[in-house]
Protein backbone atom coordinates (compact mmCIF):
# COMPACT_ATOMS: atom_id res chain seq x y z
CA MET A 1 85.19 65.59 136.48
CA GLY A 2 86.51 68.68 138.26
CA PRO A 3 85.28 72.27 138.30
CA VAL A 4 85.93 72.87 134.62
CA PRO A 5 83.29 70.41 133.29
CA LEU A 6 80.70 71.98 135.58
CA ARG A 7 81.50 75.38 134.13
CA LEU A 8 81.22 74.00 130.62
CA LEU A 9 77.82 72.55 131.45
CA LEU A 10 76.52 75.99 132.29
CA MET A 11 78.44 78.00 129.72
CA ALA A 12 75.53 78.28 127.30
CA GLY A 13 73.54 79.99 130.04
CA PHE A 14 76.46 82.27 130.88
CA LEU A 15 76.87 83.45 127.33
CA ALA A 16 73.18 84.08 126.89
CA ALA A 17 73.13 86.10 130.11
CA SER A 18 76.27 88.11 129.30
CA ASP A 19 74.30 90.76 127.40
CA PRO A 20 74.20 93.28 129.05
CA PRO A 21 77.82 92.85 130.27
CA TRP A 22 78.29 91.04 133.56
CA ASN A 23 80.34 92.52 136.39
CA CYS A 24 82.44 90.33 138.67
CA PRO A 25 81.29 90.81 142.29
CA GLU A 26 83.69 92.82 144.46
CA LEU A 27 84.70 91.02 147.64
CA SER A 28 87.15 92.83 149.91
CA ARG A 29 87.18 90.59 152.94
CA PRO A 30 90.05 89.10 154.98
CA HIS A 31 90.84 85.41 154.40
CA VAL A 32 89.03 85.23 151.06
CA THR A 33 90.25 85.53 147.47
CA CYS A 34 87.82 85.44 144.54
CA THR A 35 88.29 85.62 140.78
CA CYS A 36 86.00 85.52 137.75
CA ASP A 37 87.36 83.67 134.71
CA LEU A 38 84.01 83.19 132.96
CA PRO A 39 80.79 85.20 132.91
CA HIS A 40 78.51 84.47 135.87
CA THR A 41 81.09 82.19 137.52
CA LEU A 42 82.94 82.96 140.75
CA ARG A 43 85.95 81.03 142.05
CA CYS A 44 86.97 81.58 145.69
CA VAL A 45 89.53 80.37 148.19
CA ALA A 46 88.07 80.83 151.67
CA ASP A 47 87.64 79.46 155.17
CA ARG A 48 84.23 78.81 156.74
CA ALA A 49 83.85 82.32 158.17
CA SER A 50 84.81 84.11 154.98
CA LEU A 51 82.51 81.80 152.96
CA GLY A 52 79.67 83.33 154.97
CA SER A 53 80.80 86.73 153.69
CA VAL A 54 80.75 85.41 150.14
CA ALA A 55 77.19 84.13 150.67
CA ARG A 56 76.05 87.54 151.97
CA ARG A 57 77.55 89.28 148.94
CA LEU A 58 75.87 86.85 146.55
CA ARG A 59 72.48 87.36 148.20
CA ALA A 60 72.81 91.12 147.58
CA LEU A 61 73.47 90.81 143.83
CA SER A 62 70.92 91.88 141.27
CA LEU A 63 69.60 89.41 138.71
CA THR A 64 71.82 90.99 136.04
CA ASP A 65 74.97 90.51 138.13
CA SER A 66 74.02 87.12 139.58
CA VAL A 67 76.44 84.20 139.84
CA SER A 68 75.36 80.88 138.30
CA LEU A 69 78.39 78.81 139.35
CA LEU A 70 80.29 79.09 142.62
CA ASP A 71 83.58 77.17 142.83
CA VAL A 72 85.05 77.17 146.36
CA THR A 73 88.30 75.81 147.71
CA LEU A 74 87.49 75.60 151.41
CA ARG A 75 90.52 75.81 153.70
CA ASN A 76 91.05 73.99 156.98
CA GLU A 77 87.59 72.38 157.12
CA THR A 78 86.68 68.75 157.73
CA LYS A 79 82.91 69.25 157.91
CA LEU A 80 80.56 71.16 155.63
CA PRO A 81 78.04 72.79 158.01
CA PRO A 82 74.28 73.19 157.43
CA GLY A 83 72.78 76.11 155.53
CA ILE A 84 76.08 77.82 154.74
CA LEU A 85 74.62 79.17 151.47
CA THR A 86 71.07 79.90 152.66
CA GLY A 87 69.33 82.47 150.47
CA VAL A 88 71.81 82.13 147.59
CA SER A 89 70.63 81.32 144.06
CA LEU A 90 72.99 78.99 142.13
CA HIS A 91 72.81 76.53 139.26
CA GLY A 92 76.23 75.00 139.91
CA LEU A 93 78.33 74.53 143.06
CA VAL A 94 81.80 73.04 143.54
CA ILE A 95 83.35 72.66 147.02
CA SER A 96 86.70 71.01 147.61
CA SER A 97 89.15 71.27 150.48
CA GLY A 98 91.25 68.15 150.49
CA GLU A 99 90.04 67.61 154.06
CA LEU A 100 86.22 67.31 154.07
CA THR A 101 85.10 64.06 155.70
CA VAL A 102 81.51 64.94 156.63
CA ILE A 103 78.72 66.70 154.71
CA SER A 104 75.90 67.87 156.99
CA PRO A 105 72.46 66.52 155.97
CA LYS A 106 71.33 70.14 155.68
CA ALA A 107 74.48 71.48 154.02
CA PHE A 108 72.60 72.55 150.89
CA SER A 109 69.33 73.56 152.49
CA GLY A 110 68.14 77.10 151.92
CA LEU A 111 69.32 77.54 148.33
CA THR A 112 66.72 79.64 146.53
CA SER A 113 67.04 77.96 143.12
CA PRO A 114 67.29 74.29 142.12
CA LEU A 115 70.94 73.20 141.96
CA GLN A 116 71.67 71.46 138.66
CA ALA A 117 75.35 70.58 139.10
CA LEU A 118 77.28 69.72 142.28
CA GLY A 119 80.94 68.90 142.65
CA LEU A 120 82.59 67.64 145.85
CA PRO A 121 85.89 66.48 144.33
CA SER A 122 89.26 66.07 146.03
CA ASN A 123 87.96 65.57 149.56
CA LEU A 124 88.15 62.71 152.08
CA LEU A 125 84.58 61.43 151.94
CA LYS A 126 84.25 57.74 152.82
CA HIS A 127 80.50 57.50 152.22
CA ILE A 128 78.07 58.89 149.65
CA PRO A 129 76.44 61.92 151.39
CA THR A 130 72.97 60.64 150.48
CA ALA A 131 71.08 62.59 153.17
CA ALA A 132 72.57 65.91 152.08
CA LEU A 133 71.91 65.22 148.41
CA GLN A 134 68.27 64.23 148.74
CA ASP A 135 67.19 67.88 148.96
CA LEU A 136 68.66 68.48 145.48
CA THR A 137 65.82 66.96 143.48
CA GLN A 138 66.76 68.73 140.22
CA LEU A 139 70.42 67.68 140.27
CA GLN A 140 71.68 66.61 136.84
CA ARG A 141 75.45 66.33 137.36
CA LEU A 142 77.28 65.00 140.42
CA ASP A 143 81.04 64.84 140.90
CA LEU A 144 82.42 62.80 143.82
CA SER A 145 85.79 62.06 142.24
CA ARG A 146 89.07 61.78 144.14
CA ASN A 147 87.57 60.94 147.52
CA LYS A 148 87.89 57.84 149.74
CA LEU A 149 84.64 56.06 148.88
CA VAL A 150 84.86 52.30 149.47
CA SER A 151 81.36 51.00 148.73
CA ILE A 152 78.02 51.93 147.22
CA ASP A 153 74.85 50.37 148.56
CA LYS A 154 71.38 49.98 147.09
CA SER A 155 70.07 53.30 148.46
CA SER A 156 73.14 55.51 147.94
CA PHE A 157 71.51 57.35 145.04
CA SER A 158 67.89 57.00 146.03
CA GLY A 159 65.73 59.85 144.72
CA PHE A 160 68.10 61.11 142.00
CA ASP A 161 65.53 60.93 139.22
CA ASN A 162 67.17 63.64 137.06
CA LEU A 163 70.84 62.70 137.35
CA THR A 164 72.47 62.30 133.93
CA PHE A 165 76.18 62.49 134.80
CA LEU A 166 77.93 60.75 137.73
CA ASP A 167 81.69 60.87 138.32
CA LEU A 168 83.20 58.49 140.91
CA THR A 169 86.71 58.53 139.46
CA GLU A 170 89.72 57.78 141.67
CA ASN A 171 88.08 56.54 144.83
CA HIS A 172 88.62 53.19 146.58
CA LEU A 173 85.44 51.48 145.41
CA GLN A 174 85.52 47.70 145.62
CA SER A 175 81.93 46.87 146.57
CA ILE A 176 78.97 47.99 144.45
CA HIS A 177 75.46 46.68 145.04
CA SER A 178 73.96 45.29 141.85
CA GLU A 179 71.06 47.79 142.08
CA SER A 180 73.19 50.82 143.07
CA PHE A 181 72.34 52.68 139.87
CA ALA A 182 68.95 51.13 139.15
CA GLN A 183 67.02 54.23 140.26
CA LEU A 184 69.02 56.56 138.02
CA SER A 185 66.67 56.26 135.08
CA GLU A 186 68.17 59.27 133.25
CA LEU A 187 71.86 58.44 133.78
CA THR A 188 73.83 58.63 130.52
CA VAL A 189 77.47 58.99 131.71
CA LEU A 190 79.06 56.93 134.51
CA LYS A 191 82.75 57.35 135.34
CA LEU A 192 84.31 54.71 137.59
CA ARG A 193 87.95 55.01 136.52
CA GLY A 194 90.69 54.36 139.05
CA ASN A 195 88.93 52.17 141.62
CA HIS A 196 89.23 48.52 142.74
CA ILE A 197 86.16 47.12 140.98
CA ASN A 198 86.30 43.49 139.81
CA ILE A 199 84.50 41.85 136.91
CA GLY A 200 81.91 40.27 139.23
CA ASN A 201 80.76 43.73 140.36
CA VAL A 202 80.28 44.79 136.75
CA THR A 203 78.58 41.64 135.47
CA SER A 204 75.85 41.84 138.12
CA LEU A 205 74.88 45.50 137.60
CA VAL A 206 71.28 46.18 136.58
CA GLY A 207 69.24 49.24 135.66
CA LEU A 208 71.65 51.05 133.33
CA GLY A 209 69.28 51.10 130.40
CA GLN A 210 69.93 54.72 129.35
CA LEU A 211 73.71 54.69 129.79
CA ASN A 212 75.66 56.07 126.85
CA GLU A 213 79.22 56.18 128.25
CA LEU A 214 80.89 53.93 130.85
CA ASP A 215 84.49 54.40 132.00
CA LEU A 216 85.95 51.44 133.93
CA SER A 217 89.61 52.13 133.16
CA ARG A 218 92.24 51.32 135.77
CA ASN A 219 90.29 48.90 137.93
CA ALA A 220 90.74 45.23 138.91
CA LEU A 221 88.96 43.73 135.89
CA GLY A 222 90.69 40.60 134.62
CA GLY A 223 90.54 37.28 132.81
CA PRO A 224 89.12 36.68 129.34
CA ILE A 225 86.39 38.96 127.97
CA ASP A 226 83.49 36.93 126.67
CA SER A 227 79.80 37.27 125.85
CA LYS A 228 78.81 37.25 129.54
CA SER A 229 81.38 39.67 130.96
CA PHE A 230 79.07 42.68 130.87
CA PRO A 231 75.38 43.24 131.53
CA THR A 232 73.02 44.19 128.73
CA ILE A 233 73.18 47.95 128.15
CA ALA A 234 71.49 48.42 124.80
CA SER A 235 72.19 52.16 124.55
CA LEU A 236 75.92 52.09 125.43
CA GLU A 237 78.12 53.70 122.78
CA THR A 238 81.44 54.28 124.61
CA LEU A 239 83.14 51.67 126.82
CA LEU A 240 86.59 52.37 128.29
CA LEU A 241 88.34 49.32 129.77
CA GLY A 242 92.00 50.36 129.59
CA GLU A 243 94.58 49.68 132.31
CA ASN A 244 93.03 46.46 133.58
CA GLN A 245 94.20 42.82 133.49
CA PHE A 246 92.17 41.29 130.66
CA THR A 247 94.03 38.38 129.06
CA SER A 248 92.10 37.52 125.89
CA ALA A 249 89.21 38.54 123.66
CA ARG A 250 86.82 35.61 123.22
CA ARG A 251 84.43 34.88 120.35
CA GLY A 252 81.30 37.07 120.47
CA MET A 253 82.52 39.09 123.45
CA LEU A 254 80.49 41.99 124.89
CA ARG A 255 77.22 40.70 123.47
CA GLY A 256 75.21 42.86 125.86
CA VAL A 257 76.61 46.13 124.50
CA SER A 258 76.13 45.59 120.80
CA SER A 259 75.54 49.30 120.06
CA LEU A 260 79.13 50.27 120.93
CA LEU A 261 80.82 52.86 118.72
CA THR A 262 84.02 53.26 120.79
CA LEU A 263 85.88 50.54 122.71
CA SER A 264 89.22 50.92 124.51
CA LEU A 265 91.11 47.86 125.74
CA SER A 266 94.52 49.52 125.90
CA HIS A 267 97.11 48.66 128.57
CA ASN A 268 95.81 45.17 129.32
CA GLN A 269 97.49 41.76 128.96
CA ILE A 270 95.63 40.54 125.89
CA ASP A 271 97.67 38.10 123.82
CA VAL A 272 94.88 36.32 121.92
CA VAL A 273 92.07 37.85 119.86
CA GLU A 274 89.91 34.89 118.86
CA ASP A 275 88.21 34.51 115.49
CA HIS A 276 84.86 36.34 115.50
CA ALA A 277 85.77 38.14 118.73
CA PHE A 278 83.89 41.21 117.49
CA LEU A 279 80.91 39.31 116.11
CA GLU A 280 78.48 41.28 118.31
CA LEU A 281 80.08 44.71 117.72
CA ALA A 282 79.30 45.38 114.08
CA LEU A 283 78.66 49.11 114.68
CA LEU A 284 82.08 49.79 116.21
CA ARG A 285 83.88 52.87 114.82
CA THR A 286 86.95 53.19 117.10
CA LEU A 287 88.95 50.30 118.63
CA ASP A 288 92.00 50.76 120.85
CA LEU A 289 94.05 47.60 121.46
CA SER A 290 97.34 49.37 122.12
CA ASN A 291 99.81 48.31 124.82
CA ASN A 292 98.88 44.64 124.93
CA ARG A 293 100.73 41.41 124.00
CA ILE A 294 99.13 40.65 120.64
CA VAL A 295 101.35 38.74 118.22
CA ALA A 296 98.91 38.28 115.34
CA VAL A 297 95.39 39.32 114.34
CA SER A 298 93.54 37.12 111.88
CA GLY A 299 91.11 38.35 109.26
CA ALA A 300 88.37 36.30 110.90
CA SER A 301 88.75 38.18 114.17
CA LEU A 302 88.13 41.52 112.45
CA ALA A 303 85.70 40.34 109.78
CA HIS A 304 82.62 41.88 111.43
CA LEU A 305 84.05 45.40 111.84
CA SER A 306 82.97 46.82 108.51
CA GLN A 307 82.18 50.21 110.09
CA LEU A 308 85.52 50.60 111.90
CA THR A 309 87.36 53.84 111.03
CA GLU A 310 90.13 53.92 113.69
CA LEU A 311 92.28 51.01 114.91
CA ASP A 312 95.18 51.36 117.35
CA LEU A 313 97.49 48.33 117.66
CA SER A 314 100.60 50.21 118.73
CA HIS A 315 102.89 48.80 121.41
CA ASN A 316 102.16 45.13 120.77
CA PHE A 317 104.21 42.26 119.28
CA LEU A 318 102.87 42.07 115.71
CA ARG A 319 105.47 40.67 113.33
CA ALA A 320 103.94 41.41 109.94
CA LEU A 321 101.43 43.67 108.22
CA THR A 322 99.24 41.37 106.13
CA PRO A 323 95.87 41.56 104.32
CA ASP A 324 94.21 39.89 107.33
CA LEU A 325 94.67 43.11 109.27
CA VAL A 326 93.43 45.59 106.67
CA VAL A 327 91.21 44.01 104.01
CA PRO A 328 88.21 43.22 106.28
CA LEU A 329 88.13 46.84 107.47
CA VAL A 330 86.66 48.46 104.38
CA ASN A 331 86.11 51.84 106.08
CA LEU A 332 89.37 52.04 108.03
CA ARG A 333 90.83 55.56 107.98
CA GLU A 334 93.45 55.44 110.76
CA LEU A 335 95.78 52.55 111.59
CA ARG A 336 98.46 52.88 114.29
CA LEU A 337 101.12 50.18 114.41
CA ASP A 338 103.98 51.94 116.21
CA ASP A 339 106.36 49.93 118.40
CA ASN A 340 105.66 46.39 117.22
CA ASP A 341 108.02 43.76 115.75
CA ILE A 342 106.92 44.29 112.15
CA SER A 343 109.70 43.47 109.71
CA ILE A 344 107.51 42.38 106.79
CA VAL A 345 104.72 44.12 104.88
CA THR A 346 103.28 41.71 102.33
CA SER A 347 102.77 42.94 98.78
CA ASP A 348 98.99 42.55 99.03
CA ALA A 349 98.56 44.08 102.51
CA LEU A 350 97.68 47.52 101.15
CA THR A 351 96.10 48.25 97.79
CA ALA A 352 95.09 51.39 95.94
CA LYS A 353 91.56 50.87 97.26
CA ALA A 354 92.61 51.00 100.90
CA PRO A 355 90.87 54.10 102.34
CA LEU A 356 93.63 54.82 104.91
CA GLN A 357 94.30 58.48 105.67
CA ARG A 358 96.64 57.80 108.64
CA LEU A 359 99.23 55.02 109.01
CA THR A 360 102.03 55.05 111.58
CA LEU A 361 104.85 52.48 111.79
CA ALA A 362 107.46 54.10 114.03
CA ASP A 363 109.82 51.81 115.97
CA ASN A 364 109.34 48.69 113.85
CA PRO A 365 112.32 46.65 112.52
CA LEU A 366 111.44 46.88 108.82
CA ASN A 367 113.57 44.64 106.62
CA CYS A 368 114.05 46.77 103.51
CA ASP A 369 114.58 44.21 100.78
CA CYS A 370 112.72 43.44 97.57
CA THR A 371 109.66 42.18 99.45
CA LEU A 372 108.88 45.78 100.46
CA MET A 373 108.81 47.16 96.91
CA GLU A 374 105.02 47.12 96.66
CA PHE A 375 104.63 48.76 100.05
CA ALA A 376 107.28 51.38 99.27
CA SER A 377 105.45 52.22 96.04
CA TRP A 378 102.08 52.42 97.84
CA LEU A 379 103.56 54.64 100.53
CA GLY A 380 105.27 56.95 98.04
CA ASN A 381 102.10 57.40 95.98
CA ARG A 382 99.78 57.92 98.95
CA SER A 383 99.55 61.70 98.77
CA ASN A 384 96.68 61.83 101.27
CA LEU A 385 98.87 60.39 104.04
CA PRO A 386 100.56 63.08 106.15
CA ALA A 387 104.27 63.40 105.42
CA ALA A 388 104.98 62.71 109.08
CA ASP A 389 103.20 59.34 108.79
CA ARG A 390 105.22 58.35 105.71
CA ARG A 391 108.42 59.15 107.58
CA THR A 392 107.58 56.59 110.30
CA ALA A 393 108.48 53.73 107.93
CA VAL A 394 112.21 53.43 108.66
CA CYS A 395 114.55 50.61 107.64
CA ALA A 396 116.24 48.54 110.33
CA THR A 397 117.96 46.04 108.03
CA PRO A 398 120.10 45.49 105.99
CA PRO A 399 122.84 47.40 107.86
CA ALA A 400 123.63 49.49 104.80
CA LEU A 401 120.08 50.93 104.89
CA GLU A 402 119.68 51.24 108.65
CA ASN A 403 117.66 54.37 109.62
CA ALA A 404 116.88 55.16 105.96
CA LEU A 405 113.34 56.23 105.07
CA LEU A 406 111.52 53.62 103.05
CA THR A 407 110.03 56.37 100.87
CA ASP A 408 113.57 57.33 99.80
CA MET A 409 114.36 53.83 98.55
CA THR A 410 114.46 52.89 94.87
CA ALA A 411 114.06 49.46 93.31
CA ALA A 412 117.84 49.28 93.10
CA ASP A 413 118.08 49.81 96.87
CA LEU A 414 115.49 47.17 97.78
CA ARG A 415 117.34 44.02 96.74
CA CYS A 416 117.08 40.37 97.66
CA GLY A 417 119.75 37.67 97.49
CA ASP A 418 122.64 40.15 97.61
CA GLU A 419 125.69 39.57 99.69
CA GLN A 420 127.20 42.60 101.36
CA GLU A 421 130.32 43.04 103.40
CA MET A 422 131.26 45.32 106.27
CA SER A 423 134.62 45.34 108.00
CA VAL A 424 136.09 46.80 111.14
CA SER A 425 139.50 46.84 112.80
CA VAL A 426 139.73 45.86 116.46
CA PRO A 427 142.75 45.55 118.79
CA ILE A 428 143.49 41.98 119.90
CA ALA A 429 146.63 41.26 121.97
CA ASN A 430 148.14 44.62 120.99
CA THR A 431 147.59 43.88 117.31
CA GLN A 432 145.01 45.49 115.00
CA VAL A 433 142.95 42.69 113.46
CA ARG A 434 140.52 43.41 110.62
CA ILE A 435 137.23 41.51 110.89
CA SER A 436 134.89 41.26 107.88
CA TYR A 437 131.15 40.60 108.28
CA HIS A 438 129.37 39.08 105.29
CA PHE A 439 125.57 39.42 105.13
CA LYS A 440 123.41 37.51 102.68
CA TYR A 441 119.77 38.53 102.28
CA PRO A 442 117.02 37.75 102.82
CA PHE A 443 118.31 35.14 105.28
CA ASN A 444 120.76 37.44 107.05
CA SER A 445 123.34 34.67 107.37
CA VAL A 446 126.57 35.97 108.89
CA TYR A 447 130.08 34.64 108.88
CA VAL A 448 133.29 36.19 110.11
CA VAL A 449 136.69 36.22 108.43
CA ALA A 450 139.71 37.47 110.39
């Protein structure tokens, strides 16, 4: 989370306070530049001395012209000094410099209203500034993304009883105490993307009973995912596990997060999805398995996903579209199969009852023979599918139909058992020799006659 999410958090208050109209504070000081892109929000680029000038101007504002969110890019500073905003009333504060390594324990002392949102992104902090944050007892949102944090201990977030949103994205975290978040009884969103966290760190976590969203993308999580890979988080609805090194999805995996609605496992190394892998995830609505190594998905592995509406299997190695993939998913609306090895779509894979509203098949080697007649008919009669989706079904073979749209094919085009011939002249030893290629379908046998 950067400055923009903090502004969005407070936008409802801005809009309510914008009548009567709000005037952007005038600040004509050297070494400071300020702009106002939203009501009651001020964005400044300043050094430490000119930030003092900004604070004095804010203290002089009337209630009508007050600033709720101050977003500061602080130049040439490695330490945030104490009381730099004494006497200022704010609901949200963002300070980044790219150089801050130390936050004074009294950096936020003297604020005249309870700070609800604090961002310290894009700095060089190596430790959670716990002492400085303990004065902010009403803090609801905290952004420490894009710093150099390596570890979190048991007391790092002690006293944060009202925190609901915590962003630790893109740090260097590799050690997390099992009770690091146990005192955050109101925490609903935890972002840990882009760190070095392993599966042992995650499995041992406790005290996340109210968590609704957990982002662990791009970490060091690996091995098979099974029923014991994650702690019990009964309220969790969104789990993002993309860009890790998971290798397989085991039977009954993720038992502790059975209320999930959205699960992303994209960009892993999963090649096997076991039967009944999703046994414990019957409420799932969105599943992203794209960019893995999956060759086949059985009906038994998907049988428990009766509520699933979106499934992404693009960029895998699937070789056929069969009923096993679609029939168990009675509420499926979107299916993405781009960039697989699908050459066959069985006649019973898709029926008139299939509720699909999106289906994409780009970059698959479809073999356009008589076995695709039923699918071609289904695709041509599916008026609720976007035209762009229908155009993703493109023939790869036979050569005579290469790059043709399946929806343009007639029964006469989609033939089996036919032999076709192509010929080409090539120079051999200064003589033009004509070579004929004979193709027989569906077996694609080839012989050459010179």
